[in-house]
């Protein structure tokens, strides 16, 4: 029996240079580049996936993390099905900013049915790590987020797990609410 078709929008937010663009590109295109170019405003990528026999078209919204774009970002949150908050495991300030990112998103998308995941990126930089797995899990649990550790540079199955996991949570919420 064929599944349903869904169009889901996932917003990736977090401080500048934590790897939002790299993670999305690794997931959507299987590519990684070492050239850092900050996102100017927003970058939108799409990816088709299949989850539980459902055809899903993901619209991945990569937002600029720099404070300068703060007034622009909320307009891209509208219609979000899910949110991915990212920080860099080697940058303590990006981790400390998570409550602010969550507050900004929830100010514009207060619906608790919109799932949020937390991703610690750059786990390949083990010698520079500043945030422990336990610290990150504790913060994620405090805010009812699923936590993932990843490396956009190295790739790996956890990158797909992030987006498939968020998609499954969205589909579950839709079924619970008969949407």
C-alpha atoms as a PDB file:
ATOM      1  CA  UNK A   1       0.000   0.000   0.000  1.00  0.00           C
ATOM      2  CA  UNK A   2       1.581   3.312  -1.042  1.00  0.00           C
ATOM      3  CA  UNK A   3       2.061   5.953   1.613  1.00  0.00           C
ATOM      4  CA  UNK A   4       1.178   9.606   1.655  1.00  0.00           C
ATOM      5  CA  UNK A   5       3.100  12.517   0.165  1.00  0.00           C
ATOM      6  CA  UNK A   6       4.241  15.323   2.436  1.00  0.00           C
ATOM      7  CA  UNK A   7       5.989  18.647   2.038  1.00  0.00           C
ATOM      8  CA  UNK A   8       7.884  19.502   5.232  1.00  0.00           C
ATOM      9  CA  UNK A   9       9.920  22.561   6.099  1.00  0.00           C
ATOM     10  CA  UNK A  10      12.849  22.178   8.495  1.00  0.00           C
ATOM     11  CA  UNK A  11      14.611  25.330   9.705  1.00  0.00           C
ATOM     12  CA  UNK A  12      18.276  25.047  10.737  1.00  0.00           C
ATOM     13  CA  UNK A  13      19.260  27.744  13.228  1.00  0.00           C
ATOM     14  CA  UNK A  14      22.224  28.491  15.463  1.00  0.00           C
ATOM     15  CA  UNK A  15      25.253  30.728  15.797  1.00  0.00           C
ATOM     16  CA  UNK A  16      27.394  31.588  12.795  1.00  0.00           C
ATOM     17  CA  UNK A  17      30.057  29.085  11.674  1.00  0.00           C
ATOM     18  CA  UNK A  18      28.655  26.062  13.558  1.00  0.00           C
ATOM     19  CA  UNK A  19      28.214  24.122  10.308  1.00  0.00           C
ATOM     20  CA  UNK A  20      24.533  24.500   9.388  1.00  0.00           C
ATOM     21  CA  UNK A  21      25.260  24.915   5.680  1.00  0.00           C
ATOM     22  CA  UNK A  22      27.831  22.096   5.684  1.00  0.00           C
ATOM     23  CA  UNK A  23      25.458  19.695   7.422  1.00  0.00           C
ATOM     24  CA  UNK A  24      22.591  20.461   5.032  1.00  0.00           C
ATOM     25  CA  UNK A  25      24.852  20.121   1.991  1.00  0.00           C
ATOM     26  CA  UNK A  26      26.259  16.842   3.281  1.00  0.00           C
ATOM     27  CA  UNK A  27      22.714  15.508   3.767  1.00  0.00           C
ATOM     28  CA  UNK A  28      21.161  16.854   0.567  1.00  0.00           C
ATOM     29  CA  UNK A  29      24.088  16.548  -1.859  1.00  0.00           C
ATOM     30  CA  UNK A  30      26.604  14.252  -0.161  1.00  0.00           C
ATOM     31  CA  UNK A  31      29.224  17.018  -0.413  1.00  0.00           C
ATOM     32  CA  UNK A  32      31.501  18.851   2.010  1.00  0.00           C
ATOM     33  CA  UNK A  33      33.647  21.882   1.316  1.00  0.00           C
ATOM     34  CA  UNK A  34      36.280  23.409   3.583  1.00  0.00           C
ATOM     35  CA  UNK A  35      35.720  26.925   2.223  1.00  0.00           C
ATOM     36  CA  UNK A  36      33.722  28.899   4.784  1.00  0.00           C
ATOM     37  CA  UNK A  37      31.284  31.351   3.274  1.00  0.00           C
ATOM     38  CA  UNK A  38      28.726  32.687   5.735  1.00  0.00           C
ATOM     39  CA  UNK A  39      25.094  32.362   4.716  1.00  0.00           C
ATOM     40  CA  UNK A  40      23.700  35.737   3.736  1.00  0.00           C
ATOM     41  CA  UNK A  41      20.149  35.788   5.046  1.00  0.00           C
ATOM     42  CA  UNK A  42      18.923  32.337   4.102  1.00  0.00           C
ATOM     43  CA  UNK A  43      19.724  29.431   1.802  1.00  0.00           C
ATOM     44  CA  UNK A  44      17.020  26.946   0.797  1.00  0.00           C
ATOM     45  CA  UNK A  45      17.721  23.380  -0.308  1.00  0.00           C
ATOM     46  CA  UNK A  46      15.288  20.577  -1.079  1.00  0.00           C
ATOM     47  CA  UNK A  47      15.697  16.829  -0.644  1.00  0.00           C
ATOM     48  CA  UNK A  48      13.343  13.946  -1.406  1.00  0.00           C
ATOM     49  CA  UNK A  49      13.328  11.116   1.127  1.00  0.00           C
ATOM     50  CA  UNK A  50      11.121   8.162   1.910  1.00  0.00           C
ATOM     51  CA  UNK A  51      10.047   7.493   5.477  1.00  0.00           C
ATOM     52  CA  UNK A  52       7.755   4.613   6.421  1.00  0.00           C
ATOM     53  CA  UNK A  53       6.521   4.295   2.791  1.00  0.00           C
ATOM     54  CA  UNK A  54       5.697   8.015   2.707  1.00  0.00           C
ATOM     55  CA  UNK A  55       7.256  10.247   0.064  1.00  0.00           C
ATOM     56  CA  UNK A  56       8.627  13.327   1.756  1.00  0.00           C
ATOM     57  CA  UNK A  57       9.923  16.479   0.127  1.00  0.00           C
ATOM     58  CA  UNK A  58      12.005  18.364   2.661  1.00  0.00           C
ATOM     59  CA  UNK A  59      12.533  22.073   2.326  1.00  0.00           C
ATOM     60  CA  UNK A  60      15.697  22.742   4.315  1.00  0.00           C
ATOM     61  CA  UNK A  61      15.963  26.368   5.400  1.00  0.00           C
ATOM     62  CA  UNK A  62      19.523  27.298   6.346  1.00  0.00           C
ATOM     63  CA  UNK A  63      19.412  30.593   8.246  1.00  0.00           C
ATOM     64  CA  UNK A  64      22.264  33.018   8.816  1.00  0.00           C
ATOM     65  CA  UNK A  65      23.534  32.898  12.382  1.00  0.00           C
ATOM     66  CA  UNK A  66      25.057  36.352  12.464  1.00  0.00           C
ATOM     67  CA  UNK A  67      23.263  38.892  14.668  1.00  0.00           C
ATOM     68  CA  UNK A  68      23.004  41.281  11.708  1.00  0.00           C
ATOM     69  CA  UNK A  69      20.350  38.990  10.146  1.00  0.00           C
ATOM     70  CA  UNK A  70      18.286  38.715  13.339  1.00  0.00           C
ATOM     71  CA  UNK A  71      15.348  40.751  12.044  1.00  0.00           C
ATOM     72  CA  UNK A  72      15.198  38.791   8.788  1.00  0.00           C
ATOM     73  CA  UNK A  73      15.316  35.243  10.207  1.00  0.00           C
ATOM     74  CA  UNK A  74      11.812  35.043  11.733  1.00  0.00           C
ATOM     75  CA  UNK A  75      10.144  35.540   8.367  1.00  0.00           C
ATOM     76  CA  UNK A  76      11.679  32.212   7.293  1.00  0.00           C
ATOM     77  CA  UNK A  77      10.368  30.369  10.359  1.00  0.00           C
ATOM     78  CA  UNK A  78       6.770  30.743   9.212  1.00  0.00           C
ATOM     79  CA  UNK A  79       5.279  27.391   8.231  1.00  0.00           C
ATOM     80  CA  UNK A  80       8.081  25.366   9.811  1.00  0.00           C
ATOM     81  CA  UNK A  81       7.305  21.689  10.362  1.00  0.00           C
ATOM     82  CA  UNK A  82      10.420  21.204  12.516  1.00  0.00           C
ATOM     83  CA  UNK A  83      13.545  22.988  13.702  1.00  0.00           C
ATOM     84  CA  UNK A  84      17.178  21.944  14.051  1.00  0.00           C
ATOM     85  CA  UNK A  85      19.234  24.023  16.482  1.00  0.00           C
ATOM     86  CA  UNK A  86      22.949  23.558  15.937  1.00  0.00           C
ATOM     87  CA  UNK A  87      26.084  24.365  17.891  1.00  0.00           C
ATOM     88  CA  UNK A  88      29.743  23.501  17.426  1.00  0.00           C
ATOM     89  CA  UNK A  89      31.212  21.090  19.953  1.00  0.00           C
ATOM     90  CA  UNK A  90      34.423  23.148  19.903  1.00  0.00           C
ATOM     91  CA  UNK A  91      32.733  26.537  20.486  1.00  0.00           C
ATOM     92  CA  UNK A  92      31.290  27.006  23.992  1.00  0.00           C
ATOM     93  CA  UNK A  93      29.580  30.335  23.121  1.00  0.00           C
ATOM     94  CA  UNK A  94      27.545  28.590  20.384  1.00  0.00           C
ATOM     95  CA  UNK A  95      26.336  26.082  22.994  1.00  0.00           C
ATOM     96  CA  UNK A  96      25.570  28.789  25.556  1.00  0.00           C
ATOM     97  CA  UNK A  97      23.435  30.592  22.950  1.00  0.00           C
ATOM     98  CA  UNK A  98      21.028  27.651  22.482  1.00  0.00           C
ATOM     99  CA  UNK A  99      18.374  28.967  24.930  1.00  0.00           C
ATOM    100  CA  UNK A 100      18.355  32.259  22.985  1.00  0.00           C
ATOM    101  CA  UNK A 101      17.932  30.440  19.655  1.00  0.00           C
ATOM    102  CA  UNK A 102      15.130  28.354  21.098  1.00  0.00           C
ATOM    103  CA  UNK A 103      13.417  31.464  22.502  1.00  0.00           C
ATOM    104  CA  UNK A 104      13.691  33.248  19.150  1.00  0.00           C
ATOM    105  CA  UNK A 105      12.156  30.297  17.307  1.00  0.00           C
ATOM    106  CA  UNK A 106       9.381  29.745  19.882  1.00  0.00           C
ATOM    107  CA  UNK A 107       8.538  33.449  19.876  1.00  0.00           C
ATOM    108  CA  UNK A 108       7.549  33.104  16.228  1.00  0.00           C
ATOM    109  CA  UNK A 109       6.484  29.420  16.226  1.00  0.00           C
ATOM    110  CA  UNK A 110       4.946  28.823  19.664  1.00  0.00           C
ATOM    111  CA  UNK A 111       3.276  25.564  18.598  1.00  0.00           C
ATOM    112  CA  UNK A 112       4.735  22.807  20.779  1.00  0.00           C
ATOM    113  CA  UNK A 113       3.692  20.306  18.084  1.00  0.00           C
ATOM    114  CA  UNK A 114       6.641  21.554  15.999  1.00  0.00           C
ATOM    115  CA  UNK A 115       9.496  19.251  17.036  1.00  0.00           C
ATOM    116  CA  UNK A 116      12.971  20.606  17.691  1.00  0.00           C
ATOM    117  CA  UNK A 117      16.238  18.677  17.577  1.00  0.00           C
ATOM    118  CA  UNK A 118      19.638  19.750  18.872  1.00  0.00           C
ATOM    119  CA  UNK A 119      22.818  18.869  16.989  1.00  0.00           C
ATOM    120  CA  UNK A 120      26.384  19.240  18.192  1.00  0.00           C
ATOM    121  CA  UNK A 121      28.533  19.463  15.062  1.00  0.00           C
ATOM    122  CA  UNK A 122      32.281  19.143  14.470  1.00  0.00           C
ATOM    123  CA  UNK A 123      32.779  15.988  16.530  1.00  0.00           C
ATOM    124  CA  UNK A 124      35.804  15.306  14.323  1.00  0.00           C
ATOM    125  CA  UNK A 125      37.646  18.033  16.268  1.00  0.00           C
ATOM    126  CA  UNK A 126      37.954  15.864  19.383  1.00  0.00           C
ATOM    127  CA  UNK A 127      41.092  17.602  20.639  1.00  0.00           C
ATOM    128  CA  UNK A 128      39.252  20.958  20.620  1.00  0.00           C
ATOM    129  CA  UNK A 129      36.004  19.774  22.190  1.00  0.00           C
ATOM    130  CA  UNK A 130      34.525  22.151  24.794  1.00  0.00           C
ATOM    131  CA  UNK A 131      31.071  20.605  25.416  1.00  0.00           C
ATOM    132  CA  UNK A 132      30.617  17.091  26.791  1.00  0.00           C
ATOM    133  CA  UNK A 133      27.991  14.687  25.505  1.00  0.00           C
ATOM    134  CA  UNK A 134      26.407  14.670  28.978  1.00  0.00           C
ATOM    135  CA  UNK A 135      26.148  18.482  29.028  1.00  0.00           C
ATOM    136  CA  UNK A 136      24.457  18.504  25.642  1.00  0.00           C
ATOM    137  CA  UNK A 137      22.074  15.652  26.535  1.00  0.00           C
ATOM    138  CA  UNK A 138      21.094  17.452  29.749  1.00  0.00           C
ATOM    139  CA  UNK A 139      20.325  20.676  27.886  1.00  0.00           C
ATOM    140  CA  UNK A 140      18.367  18.825  25.189  1.00  0.00           C
ATOM    141  CA  UNK A 141      16.313  16.997  27.824  1.00  0.00           C
ATOM    142  CA  UNK A 142      15.589  20.276  29.636  1.00  0.00           C
ATOM    143  CA  UNK A 143      14.001  21.681  26.487  1.00  0.00           C
ATOM    144  CA  UNK A 144      12.425  18.422  25.219  1.00  0.00           C
ATOM    145  CA  UNK A 145      14.748  18.133  22.231  1.00  0.00           C
ATOM    146  CA  UNK A 146      16.323  15.058  20.680  1.00  0.00           C
ATOM    147  CA  UNK A 147      20.129  15.319  20.712  1.00  0.00           C
ATOM    148  CA  UNK A 148      22.560  14.235  17.997  1.00  0.00           C
ATOM    149  CA  UNK A 149      26.330  14.539  17.621  1.00  0.00           C
ATOM    150  CA  UNK A 150      27.716  14.732  14.133  1.00  0.00           C
ATOM    151  CA  UNK A 151      30.465  15.824  11.822  1.00  0.00           C
ATOM    152  CA  UNK A 152      29.454  17.354   8.519  1.00  0.00           C
ATOM    153  CA  UNK A 153      33.082  16.919   7.454  1.00  0.00           C
ATOM    154  CA  UNK A 154      33.223  13.167   8.091  1.00  0.00           C
ATOM    155  CA  UNK A 155      29.626  12.428   7.121  1.00  0.00           C
ATOM    156  CA  UNK A 156      28.060   9.344   8.625  1.00  0.00           C
ATOM    157  CA  UNK A 157      24.656   7.863   9.277  1.00  0.00           C
ATOM    158  CA  UNK A 158      23.859  10.269  12.115  1.00  0.00           C
ATOM    159  CA  UNK A 159      23.336  13.076   9.580  1.00  0.00           C
ATOM    160  CA  UNK A 160      20.510  11.163   7.944  1.00  0.00           C
ATOM    161  CA  UNK A 161      19.242  10.170  11.412  1.00  0.00           C
ATOM    162  CA  UNK A 162      18.793  13.850  12.280  1.00  0.00           C
ATOM    163  CA  UNK A 163      16.540  14.631   9.337  1.00  0.00           C
ATOM    164  CA  UNK A 164      14.724  11.285   9.271  1.00  0.00           C
ATOM    165  CA  UNK A 165      14.212  11.523  13.043  1.00  0.00           C
ATOM    166  CA  UNK A 166      12.704  14.999  12.768  1.00  0.00           C
ATOM    167  CA  UNK A 167      10.533  13.843   9.860  1.00  0.00           C
ATOM    168  CA  UNK A 168       9.240  10.871  11.868  1.00  0.00           C
ATOM    169  CA  UNK A 169       8.389  13.162  14.787  1.00  0.00           C
ATOM    170  CA  UNK A 170       6.472  15.510  12.453  1.00  0.00           C
ATOM    171  CA  UNK A 171       4.544  12.599  10.932  1.00  0.00           C
ATOM    172  CA  UNK A 172       3.763  11.224  14.386  1.00  0.00           C
ATOM    173  CA  UNK A 173       2.400  14.628  15.502  1.00  0.00           C
ATOM    174  CA  UNK A 174       0.298  14.840  12.345  1.00  0.00           C
ATOM    175  CA  UNK A 175      -1.178  11.382  13.022  1.00  0.00           C
ATOM    176  CA  UNK A 176      -1.845  12.237  16.666  1.00  0.00           C
ATOM    177  CA  UNK A 177      -3.639  15.424  15.624  1.00  0.00           C
ATOM    178  CA  UNK A 178      -5.323  13.853  12.572  1.00  0.00           C
ATOM    179  CA  UNK A 179      -3.829  16.479  10.270  1.00  0.00           C
END
